[in-house]
Amino acid sequence: MTAPRDPRSPLQDLVDGAEEIAGLLRGFDRDDFLRDRRTQLAVGMCFVNLGAALNRLKADSPELAARIPDLRNAVGFRNILAHAYEEIEPAIVWRIANESLPELEQTARSLISEIRS
């Protein structure tokens, strides 16, 4: 039997991914994003990675994962981006990056701080 993995790792991946998306979107407004396919693809890939981190957290630390708001929707969004990307409108990605991602990042940061204490 293997030892449980440190839940800080996927939580830190969430924080890092959120920061990466923020960096990619820095200086962009919605219209800029909708015109820039390269940035859309990069942000989408970051969301795929975030969803993978959430899946790891769910498998390794279900009690912590249960404290992530909209975990099911976030993983579902990842699955659509990974497997049916042509169905996602860039405007939806923009909205999620700007409206939902900050709360996810803050929750991950809070959980990391709580684990350290």
Protein backbone atom coordinates (compact mmCIF):
# COMPACT_ATOMS: atom_id res chain seq x y z
CA MET A 1 0.00 0.00 0.00
CA THR A 2 1.32 3.44 -0.89
CA ALA A 3 1.35 6.37 1.49
CA PRO A 4 -1.26 9.06 0.87
CA ARG A 5 -0.02 11.96 -1.21
CA ASP A 6 0.31 15.41 0.26
CA PRO A 7 -2.90 17.31 -0.59
CA ARG A 8 -0.93 20.54 -0.78
CA SER A 9 0.46 19.46 -4.15
CA PRO A 10 -2.81 19.57 -6.12
CA LEU A 11 -3.91 22.62 -4.15
CA GLN A 12 -0.70 24.39 -5.11
CA ASP A 13 -1.29 23.30 -8.71
CA LEU A 14 -4.66 25.08 -8.50
CA VAL A 15 -3.04 28.26 -7.22
CA ASP A 16 -0.28 28.08 -9.83
CA GLY A 17 -2.79 27.45 -12.63
CA ALA A 18 -4.98 30.35 -11.54
CA GLU A 19 -1.93 32.62 -11.48
CA GLU A 20 -0.92 31.38 -14.93
CA ILE A 21 -4.36 32.17 -16.32
CA ALA A 22 -4.28 35.62 -14.70
CA GLY A 23 -0.91 36.24 -16.33
CA LEU A 24 -2.16 35.12 -19.73
CA LEU A 25 -5.16 37.44 -19.44
CA ARG A 26 -3.26 40.44 -18.06
CA GLY A 27 -3.88 43.40 -20.34
CA PHE A 28 -6.76 41.68 -22.14
CA ASP A 29 -10.35 42.70 -22.08
CA ARG A 30 -13.13 40.35 -23.18
CA ASP A 31 -12.99 41.44 -26.82
CA ASP A 32 -9.20 41.01 -26.95
CA PHE A 33 -9.59 37.49 -25.60
CA LEU A 34 -12.33 36.62 -28.09
CA ARG A 35 -10.03 37.66 -30.96
CA ASP A 36 -6.91 35.85 -29.74
CA ARG A 37 -7.10 32.12 -30.48
CA ARG A 38 -3.62 31.44 -29.10
CA THR A 39 -4.55 32.87 -25.69
CA GLN A 40 -7.86 30.99 -25.76
CA LEU A 41 -6.01 27.72 -26.30
CA ALA A 42 -3.43 28.48 -23.61
CA VAL A 43 -6.09 29.39 -21.05
CA GLY A 44 -8.07 26.30 -22.01
CA MET A 45 -5.03 24.10 -21.41
CA CYS A 46 -4.52 25.70 -18.01
CA PHE A 47 -8.12 24.85 -17.14
CA VAL A 48 -7.53 21.25 -18.25
CA ASN A 49 -4.58 21.11 -15.85
CA LEU A 50 -6.66 22.66 -13.06
CA GLY A 51 -9.31 20.00 -13.55
CA ALA A 52 -6.67 17.28 -13.39
CA ALA A 53 -5.44 18.74 -10.08
CA LEU A 54 -9.00 18.71 -8.77
CA ASN A 55 -9.36 15.07 -9.79
CA ARG A 56 -6.13 14.21 -7.91
CA LEU A 57 -7.35 16.09 -4.86
CA LYS A 58 -10.68 14.27 -5.02
CA ALA A 59 -8.96 10.89 -5.22
CA ASP A 60 -6.33 11.59 -2.55
CA SER A 61 -8.22 13.83 -0.13
CA PRO A 62 -11.97 13.60 -0.64
CA GLU A 63 -12.65 15.52 2.58
CA LEU A 64 -10.67 18.51 1.31
CA ALA A 65 -12.08 18.20 -2.20
CA ALA A 66 -15.59 18.40 -0.75
CA ARG A 67 -14.73 21.90 0.46
CA ILE A 68 -14.04 23.16 -3.07
CA PRO A 69 -17.03 25.17 -4.32
CA ASP A 70 -18.53 23.77 -7.52
CA LEU A 71 -15.98 20.96 -7.69
CA ARG A 72 -18.25 18.88 -9.90
CA ASN A 73 -18.77 21.73 -12.37
CA ALA A 74 -15.05 22.54 -12.45
CA VAL A 75 -14.15 18.93 -13.25
CA GLY A 76 -16.97 18.81 -15.81
CA PHE A 77 -15.62 21.96 -17.46
CA ARG A 78 -12.19 20.33 -17.62
CA ASN A 79 -13.68 17.25 -19.24
CA ILE A 80 -15.47 19.28 -21.90
CA LEU A 81 -12.31 21.26 -22.65
CA ALA A 82 -10.27 18.05 -22.89
CA HIS A 83 -12.72 15.95 -24.86
CA ALA A 84 -15.19 18.23 -26.59
CA TYR A 85 -13.35 21.55 -26.84
CA GLU A 86 -15.23 22.53 -30.00
CA GLU A 87 -18.38 22.84 -27.88
CA ILE A 88 -16.98 25.58 -25.61
CA GLU A 89 -17.50 29.18 -26.56
CA PRO A 90 -14.51 31.40 -25.76
CA ALA A 91 -16.86 33.82 -24.00
CA ILE A 92 -17.68 31.09 -21.48
CA VAL A 93 -13.99 30.48 -20.81
CA TRP A 94 -13.53 34.24 -20.29
CA ARG A 95 -16.46 34.38 -17.87
CA ILE A 96 -15.26 31.41 -15.83
CA ALA A 97 -11.70 32.77 -15.71
CA ASN A 98 -12.92 36.11 -14.41
CA GLU A 99 -15.89 35.15 -12.25
CA SER A 100 -15.32 31.63 -10.88
CA LEU A 101 -11.57 31.10 -10.91
CA PRO A 102 -10.72 33.77 -8.29
CA GLU A 103 -12.91 32.00 -5.72
CA LEU A 104 -11.33 28.63 -6.57
CA GLU A 105 -7.87 30.12 -6.16
CA GLN A 106 -8.76 31.74 -2.83
CA THR A 107 -10.24 28.47 -1.54
CA ALA A 108 -7.07 26.58 -2.52
CA ARG A 109 -4.90 29.20 -0.81
CA SER A 110 -7.02 28.99 2.36
CA LEU A 111 -6.84 25.21 2.44
CA ILE A 112 -3.05 25.28 1.99
CA SER A 113 -2.75 27.73 4.89
CA GLU A 114 -5.02 25.59 7.02
CA ILE A 115 -2.94 22.46 6.33
CA ARG A 116 0.28 24.32 7.24
CA SER A 117 -1.13 25.40 10.61
